[in-house]
Amino acid sequence: MNSRQIFALEIAGMVLLFVLIARWYWSPRLAPLPLPEALTPLLLLHLTRVLGLTMLVPGVIDPDLPRSFAVPGAYGDLIAAVLALSAALSLYLAAACAAYAKWRRGTGFDALLFAALWLLAELARGLIFT
């Protein structure tokens, strides 16, 4: 398997894993909670996305992995983590600065969704066009 196939398989496996966890574990437990309380653990989970920056560390990944794939993926994960942190802090603090970090309807979820969709688009572009 080449690097591109390994990343595609890894992404598909992680998406399946998170769908199953969300369906079987998170959904039944978070559904009865108020929206800010339910969103907080979901946002905190995305703080681990800074691990995507390891794609930029020499020797950690296959040297044949195109930089045009690794750089957008790594920085996309970093942006998603920063957005998740700002949304989680906004929900936690409920301060005046929350209006700047929250998008539409004030949940913070839209910012995270936008970052995730942007990352998926960049990832697809990297897999298809490189």
N, C-alpha and C. Protein backbone atom coordinates (compact mmCIF):
# COMPACT_ATOMS: atom_id res chain seq x y z
N MET A 1 0.84 -1.18 0.00
CA MET A 1 0.00 0.00 0.00
C MET A 1 0.89 1.24 0.00
N ASN A 2 0.48 2.22 -0.77
CA ASN A 2 1.24 3.47 -0.76
C ASN A 2 0.68 4.40 0.32
N SER A 3 1.34 5.53 0.52
CA SER A 3 0.96 6.46 1.59
C SER A 3 -0.47 6.97 1.42
N ARG A 4 -0.85 7.25 0.21
CA ARG A 4 -2.19 7.79 -0.05
C ARG A 4 -3.26 6.78 0.35
N GLN A 5 -3.05 5.51 0.01
CA GLN A 5 -4.01 4.48 0.35
C GLN A 5 -4.07 4.26 1.86
N ILE A 6 -2.93 4.34 2.52
CA ILE A 6 -2.90 4.19 3.97
C ILE A 6 -3.68 5.31 4.64
N PHE A 7 -3.47 6.56 4.19
CA PHE A 7 -4.21 7.68 4.78
C PHE A 7 -5.70 7.54 4.51
N ALA A 8 -6.08 7.14 3.30
CA ALA A 8 -7.50 6.97 2.98
C ALA A 8 -8.13 5.89 3.86
N LEU A 9 -7.43 4.79 4.06
CA LEU A 9 -7.93 3.72 4.92
C LEU A 9 -8.03 4.17 6.37
N GLU A 10 -7.02 4.90 6.82
CA GLU A 10 -7.03 5.42 8.19
C GLU A 10 -8.20 6.37 8.40
N ILE A 11 -8.45 7.25 7.45
CA ILE A 11 -9.55 8.21 7.57
C ILE A 11 -10.88 7.48 7.57
N ALA A 12 -11.06 6.51 6.67
CA ALA A 12 -12.31 5.76 6.62
C ALA A 12 -12.54 5.01 7.93
N GLY A 13 -11.50 4.41 8.47
CA GLY A 13 -11.63 3.70 9.74
C GLY A 13 -11.99 4.63 10.89
N MET A 14 -11.38 5.80 10.93
CA MET A 14 -11.68 6.75 12.00
C MET A 14 -13.10 7.30 11.89
N VAL A 15 -13.55 7.56 10.66
CA VAL A 15 -14.92 8.03 10.48
C VAL A 15 -15.90 6.96 10.97
N LEU A 16 -15.67 5.71 10.59
CA LEU A 16 -16.53 4.62 11.05
C LEU A 16 -16.51 4.52 12.58
N LEU A 17 -15.33 4.60 13.17
CA LEU A 17 -15.20 4.53 14.62
C LEU A 17 -16.02 5.63 15.30
N PHE A 18 -15.88 6.86 14.83
CA PHE A 18 -16.58 7.97 15.47
C PHE A 18 -18.08 7.91 15.24
N VAL A 19 -18.52 7.39 14.10
CA VAL A 19 -19.96 7.21 13.87
C VAL A 19 -20.53 6.21 14.87
N LEU A 20 -19.82 5.09 15.06
CA LEU A 20 -20.29 4.08 16.01
C LEU A 20 -20.28 4.59 17.44
N ILE A 21 -19.21 5.29 17.82
CA ILE A 21 -19.15 5.85 19.18
C ILE A 21 -20.27 6.86 19.38
N ALA A 22 -20.49 7.72 18.39
CA ALA A 22 -21.54 8.74 18.51
C ALA A 22 -22.92 8.09 18.62
N ARG A 23 -23.15 7.10 17.82
CA ARG A 23 -24.46 6.45 17.79
C ARG A 23 -24.73 5.63 19.05
N TRP A 24 -23.75 4.86 19.49
CA TRP A 24 -23.96 3.93 20.59
C TRP A 24 -23.68 4.52 21.96
N TYR A 25 -22.81 5.50 22.05
CA TYR A 25 -22.40 5.99 23.36
C TYR A 25 -22.79 7.45 23.61
N TRP A 26 -22.35 8.34 22.73
CA TRP A 26 -22.57 9.77 23.00
C TRP A 26 -24.03 10.18 22.87
N SER A 27 -24.68 9.78 21.81
CA SER A 27 -26.04 10.24 21.55
C SER A 27 -27.00 9.94 22.70
N PRO A 28 -27.05 8.72 23.21
CA PRO A 28 -27.99 8.46 24.31
C PRO A 28 -27.67 9.24 25.58
N ARG A 29 -26.40 9.53 25.81
CA ARG A 29 -26.03 10.22 27.05
C ARG A 29 -26.12 11.74 26.93
N LEU A 30 -25.88 12.26 25.73
CA LEU A 30 -25.88 13.72 25.57
C LEU A 30 -27.25 14.27 25.20
N ALA A 31 -28.14 13.46 24.65
CA ALA A 31 -29.45 13.94 24.20
C ALA A 31 -30.26 14.63 25.30
N PRO A 32 -30.28 14.12 26.52
CA PRO A 32 -31.09 14.80 27.53
C PRO A 32 -30.47 16.08 28.10
N LEU A 33 -29.21 16.34 27.80
CA LEU A 33 -28.54 17.53 28.35
C LEU A 33 -28.91 18.79 27.57
N PRO A 34 -28.83 19.95 28.23
CA PRO A 34 -28.98 21.21 27.49
C PRO A 34 -27.86 21.34 26.45
N LEU A 35 -28.12 22.04 25.38
CA LEU A 35 -27.17 22.12 24.26
C LEU A 35 -25.76 22.53 24.67
N PRO A 36 -25.56 23.59 25.45
CA PRO A 36 -24.17 23.95 25.81
C PRO A 36 -23.45 22.83 26.57
N GLU A 37 -24.16 22.14 27.45
CA GLU A 37 -23.53 21.05 28.19
C GLU A 37 -23.23 19.86 27.30
N ALA A 38 -24.06 19.62 26.31
CA ALA A 38 -23.85 18.49 25.40
C ALA A 38 -22.72 18.78 24.42
N LEU A 39 -22.56 20.02 24.02
CA LEU A 39 -21.53 20.37 23.04
C LEU A 39 -20.13 20.37 23.63
N THR A 40 -20.00 20.68 24.90
CA THR A 40 -18.68 20.82 25.51
C THR A 40 -17.81 19.57 25.36
N PRO A 41 -18.28 18.37 25.71
CA PRO A 41 -17.39 17.21 25.53
C PRO A 41 -17.07 16.93 24.07
N LEU A 42 -17.99 17.23 23.18
CA LEU A 42 -17.73 17.03 21.75
C LEU A 42 -16.65 17.99 21.25
N LEU A 43 -16.68 19.21 21.74
CA LEU A 43 -15.67 20.19 21.35
C LEU A 43 -14.31 19.85 21.95
N LEU A 44 -14.30 19.42 23.21
CA LEU A 44 -13.03 19.07 23.85
C LEU A 44 -12.34 17.92 23.14
N LEU A 45 -13.10 17.00 22.61
CA LEU A 45 -12.52 15.88 21.86
C LEU A 45 -11.69 16.39 20.68
N HIS A 46 -12.13 17.44 20.05
CA HIS A 46 -11.43 17.97 18.87
C HIS A 46 -10.15 18.72 19.20
N LEU A 47 -9.88 18.93 20.46
CA LEU A 47 -8.61 19.56 20.83
C LEU A 47 -7.43 18.64 20.55
N THR A 48 -7.68 17.35 20.41
CA THR A 48 -6.60 16.41 20.08
C THR A 48 -6.18 16.51 18.62
N ARG A 49 -6.85 17.30 17.83
CA ARG A 49 -6.54 17.39 16.41
C ARG A 49 -5.20 18.07 16.14
N VAL A 50 -4.57 18.62 17.15
CA VAL A 50 -3.23 19.18 16.94
C VAL A 50 -2.24 18.08 16.59
N LEU A 51 -2.60 16.83 16.84
CA LEU A 51 -1.72 15.71 16.49
C LEU A 51 -1.49 15.63 14.99
N GLY A 52 -2.37 16.24 14.19
CA GLY A 52 -2.19 16.27 12.75
C GLY A 52 -0.92 17.00 12.33
N LEU A 53 -0.41 17.84 13.21
CA LEU A 53 0.82 18.57 12.91
C LEU A 53 2.02 17.63 12.77
N THR A 54 1.90 16.41 13.25
CA THR A 54 3.00 15.46 13.10
C THR A 54 3.26 15.13 11.63
N MET A 55 2.30 15.45 10.76
CA MET A 55 2.53 15.23 9.32
C MET A 55 3.63 16.15 8.79
N LEU A 56 4.00 17.16 9.54
CA LEU A 56 5.03 18.10 9.10
C LEU A 56 6.41 17.76 9.67
N VAL A 57 6.46 16.80 10.58
CA VAL A 57 7.73 16.44 11.22
C VAL A 57 8.48 15.45 10.33
N PRO A 58 9.70 15.80 9.92
CA PRO A 58 10.47 14.87 9.09
C PRO A 58 10.74 13.56 9.83
N GLY A 59 10.61 12.47 9.13
CA GLY A 59 10.87 11.16 9.69
C GLY A 59 9.67 10.51 10.33
N VAL A 60 8.60 11.25 10.56
CA VAL A 60 7.41 10.68 11.17
C VAL A 60 6.53 10.02 10.12
N ILE A 61 6.48 10.64 8.96
CA ILE A 61 5.65 10.10 7.88
C ILE A 61 6.54 9.70 6.71
N ASP A 62 5.95 9.02 5.76
CA ASP A 62 6.66 8.58 4.57
C ASP A 62 7.19 9.80 3.81
N PRO A 63 8.47 9.84 3.47
CA PRO A 63 9.01 10.99 2.75
C PRO A 63 8.38 11.17 1.36
N ASP A 64 7.73 10.14 0.84
CA ASP A 64 7.07 10.24 -0.46
C ASP A 64 5.70 10.91 -0.37
N LEU A 65 5.21 11.14 0.85
CA LEU A 65 3.92 11.81 1.00
C LEU A 65 4.06 13.24 0.48
N PRO A 66 3.22 13.62 -0.48
CA PRO A 66 3.35 14.97 -1.05
C PRO A 66 3.09 16.06 -0.02
N ARG A 67 3.91 17.10 -0.05
CA ARG A 67 3.73 18.25 0.85
C ARG A 67 2.39 18.94 0.58
N SER A 68 1.93 18.85 -0.66
CA SER A 68 0.64 19.48 -1.00
C SER A 68 -0.51 18.78 -0.28
N PHE A 69 -0.29 17.58 0.20
CA PHE A 69 -1.29 16.87 1.01
C PHE A 69 -1.06 17.11 2.49
N ALA A 70 0.19 17.01 2.92
CA ALA A 70 0.51 17.06 4.35
C ALA A 70 0.27 18.45 4.95
N VAL A 71 0.66 19.50 4.25
CA VAL A 71 0.56 20.85 4.82
C VAL A 71 -0.89 21.27 5.05
N PRO A 72 -1.79 21.16 4.05
CA PRO A 72 -3.19 21.54 4.32
C PRO A 72 -3.83 20.66 5.39
N GLY A 73 -3.50 19.38 5.39
CA GLY A 73 -4.07 18.49 6.41
C GLY A 73 -3.61 18.86 7.80
N ALA A 74 -2.33 19.14 7.95
CA ALA A 74 -1.77 19.47 9.26
C ALA A 74 -2.33 20.79 9.78
N TYR A 75 -2.31 21.81 8.94
CA TYR A 75 -2.79 23.12 9.40
C TYR A 75 -4.31 23.14 9.50
N GLY A 76 -5.01 22.35 8.69
CA GLY A 76 -6.46 22.23 8.83
C GLY A 76 -6.84 21.65 10.18
N ASP A 77 -6.10 20.63 10.61
CA ASP A 77 -6.34 20.07 11.94
C ASP A 77 -6.05 21.09 13.03
N LEU A 78 -4.98 21.85 12.87
CA LEU A 78 -4.66 22.88 13.86
C LEU A 78 -5.77 23.93 13.94
N ILE A 79 -6.26 24.37 12.79
CA ILE A 79 -7.35 25.36 12.78
C ILE A 79 -8.60 24.79 13.44
N ALA A 80 -8.90 23.52 13.16
CA ALA A 80 -10.07 22.89 13.79
C ALA A 80 -9.91 22.84 15.30
N ALA A 81 -8.72 22.54 15.77
CA ALA A 81 -8.48 22.48 17.22
C ALA A 81 -8.63 23.87 17.85
N VAL A 82 -8.11 24.89 17.19
CA VAL A 82 -8.24 26.26 17.71
C VAL A 82 -9.70 26.69 17.75
N LEU A 83 -10.45 26.38 16.69
CA LEU A 83 -11.88 26.71 16.68
C LEU A 83 -12.64 25.95 17.77
N ALA A 84 -12.29 24.67 17.97
CA ALA A 84 -12.94 23.89 19.02
C ALA A 84 -12.62 24.47 20.39
N LEU A 85 -11.38 24.85 20.61
CA LEU A 85 -11.00 25.44 21.89
C LEU A 85 -11.74 26.75 22.13
N SER A 86 -11.80 27.60 21.11
CA SER A 86 -12.49 28.88 21.30
C SER A 86 -13.99 28.68 21.55
N ALA A 87 -14.59 27.72 20.85
CA ALA A 87 -16.02 27.45 21.07
C ALA A 87 -16.25 26.87 22.46
N ALA A 88 -15.37 25.93 22.89
CA ALA A 88 -15.53 25.33 24.22
C ALA A 88 -15.34 26.38 25.32
N LEU A 89 -14.34 27.23 25.17
CA LEU A 89 -14.13 28.29 26.16
C LEU A 89 -15.30 29.26 26.18
N SER A 90 -15.85 29.54 25.00
CA SER A 90 -17.01 30.44 24.94
C SER A 90 -18.20 29.84 25.67
N LEU A 91 -18.41 28.55 25.47
CA LEU A 91 -19.51 27.90 26.16
C LEU A 91 -19.26 27.86 27.67
N TYR A 92 -18.03 27.61 28.04
CA TYR A 92 -17.69 27.49 29.47
C TYR A 92 -17.77 28.84 30.18
N LEU A 93 -17.20 29.82 29.59
CA LEU A 93 -17.13 31.13 30.25
C LEU A 93 -18.41 31.94 30.10
N ALA A 94 -19.09 31.76 28.97
CA ALA A 94 -20.30 32.53 28.67
C ALA A 94 -20.05 34.02 28.89
N ALA A 95 -18.89 34.48 28.44
CA ALA A 95 -18.50 35.88 28.63
C ALA A 95 -18.88 36.71 27.41
N ALA A 96 -18.59 37.98 27.48
CA ALA A 96 -18.91 38.87 26.37
C ALA A 96 -18.15 38.51 25.10
N CYS A 97 -16.96 37.92 25.24
CA CYS A 97 -16.19 37.56 24.06
C CYS A 97 -16.77 36.34 23.34
N ALA A 98 -17.77 35.69 23.93
CA ALA A 98 -18.36 34.51 23.30
C ALA A 98 -18.99 34.85 21.96
N ALA A 99 -19.51 36.05 21.81
CA ALA A 99 -20.14 36.43 20.55
C ALA A 99 -19.16 36.40 19.38
N TYR A 100 -17.88 36.66 19.63
CA TYR A 100 -16.89 36.66 18.56
C TYR A 100 -16.50 35.24 18.15
N ALA A 101 -16.53 34.30 19.07
CA ALA A 101 -16.10 32.94 18.77
C ALA A 101 -17.23 32.05 18.29
N LYS A 102 -18.45 32.44 18.55
CA LYS A 102 -19.59 31.63 18.14
C LYS A 102 -20.16 32.15 16.83
N TRP A 103 -20.60 31.22 16.00
CA TRP A 103 -21.22 31.59 14.73
C TRP A 103 -22.69 31.24 14.82
N ARG A 104 -23.52 31.96 14.07
CA ARG A 104 -24.95 31.72 14.00
C ARG A 104 -25.50 31.08 15.26
N ARG A 105 -26.60 31.24 15.60
CA ARG A 105 -27.33 30.65 16.72
C ARG A 105 -26.54 30.47 18.01
N GLY A 106 -25.29 30.92 18.07
CA GLY A 106 -24.54 30.95 19.32
C GLY A 106 -24.15 29.61 19.90
N THR A 107 -24.01 28.56 19.09
CA THR A 107 -23.66 27.27 19.68
C THR A 107 -22.19 26.96 19.59
N GLY A 108 -21.47 27.59 18.69
CA GLY A 108 -20.08 27.25 18.49
C GLY A 108 -19.91 26.06 17.57
N PHE A 109 -20.97 25.30 17.36
CA PHE A 109 -20.92 24.10 16.53
C PHE A 109 -20.70 24.45 15.06
N ASP A 110 -21.26 25.55 14.60
CA ASP A 110 -21.12 25.94 13.20
C ASP A 110 -19.66 26.21 12.84
N ALA A 111 -18.92 26.83 13.73
CA ALA A 111 -17.51 27.09 13.47
C ALA A 111 -16.74 25.79 13.35
N LEU A 112 -17.04 24.85 14.21
CA LEU A 112 -16.37 23.55 14.17
C LEU A 112 -16.77 22.79 12.91
N LEU A 113 -18.04 22.85 12.55
CA LEU A 113 -18.51 22.18 11.34
C LEU A 113 -17.85 22.77 10.10
N PHE A 114 -17.74 24.08 10.05
CA PHE A 114 -17.07 24.73 8.92
C PHE A 114 -15.62 24.26 8.82
N ALA A 115 -14.92 24.22 9.94
CA ALA A 115 -13.52 23.79 9.93
C ALA A 115 -13.40 22.33 9.50
N ALA A 116 -14.31 21.49 9.96
CA ALA A 116 -14.27 20.07 9.58
C ALA A 116 -14.54 19.90 8.08
N LEU A 117 -15.51 20.63 7.55
CA LEU A 117 -15.80 20.53 6.12
C LEU A 117 -14.66 21.07 5.28
N TRP A 118 -14.03 22.15 5.75
CA TRP A 118 -12.88 22.70 5.03
C TRP A 118 -11.74 21.69 5.00
N LEU A 119 -11.50 21.06 6.15
CA LEU A 119 -10.44 20.07 6.22
C LEU A 119 -10.74 18.89 5.31
N LEU A 120 -11.98 18.41 5.29
CA LEU A 120 -12.34 17.29 4.42
C LEU A 120 -12.15 17.66 2.95
N ALA A 121 -12.52 18.89 2.59
CA ALA A 121 -12.33 19.34 1.21
C ALA A 121 -10.85 19.38 0.85
N GLU A 122 -10.02 19.90 1.76
CA GLU A 122 -8.58 19.94 1.51
C GLU A 122 -7.99 18.54 1.44
N LEU A 123 -8.47 17.67 2.28
CA LEU A 123 -8.00 16.29 2.29
C LEU A 123 -8.38 15.59 0.99
N ALA A 124 -9.61 15.78 0.54
CA ALA A 124 -10.05 15.20 -0.73
C ALA A 124 -9.24 15.77 -1.89
N ARG A 125 -8.99 17.07 -1.86
CA ARG A 125 -8.19 17.68 -2.92
C ARG A 125 -6.78 17.08 -2.93
N GLY A 126 -6.21 16.90 -1.76
CA GLY A 126 -4.88 16.32 -1.67
C GLY A 126 -4.83 14.88 -2.15
N LEU A 127 -5.87 14.10 -1.82
CA LEU A 127 -5.90 12.71 -2.24
C LEU A 127 -6.16 12.57 -3.74
N ILE A 128 -6.99 13.44 -4.29
CA ILE A 128 -7.38 13.31 -5.69
C ILE A 128 -6.36 13.93 -6.63
N PHE A 129 -5.87 15.11 -6.32
CA PHE A 129 -5.08 15.86 -7.28
C PHE A 129 -3.57 15.77 -7.09
N THR A 130 -3.08 14.97 -6.15
CA THR A 130 -1.64 14.84 -6.00
C THR A 130 -1.20 13.43 -6.29
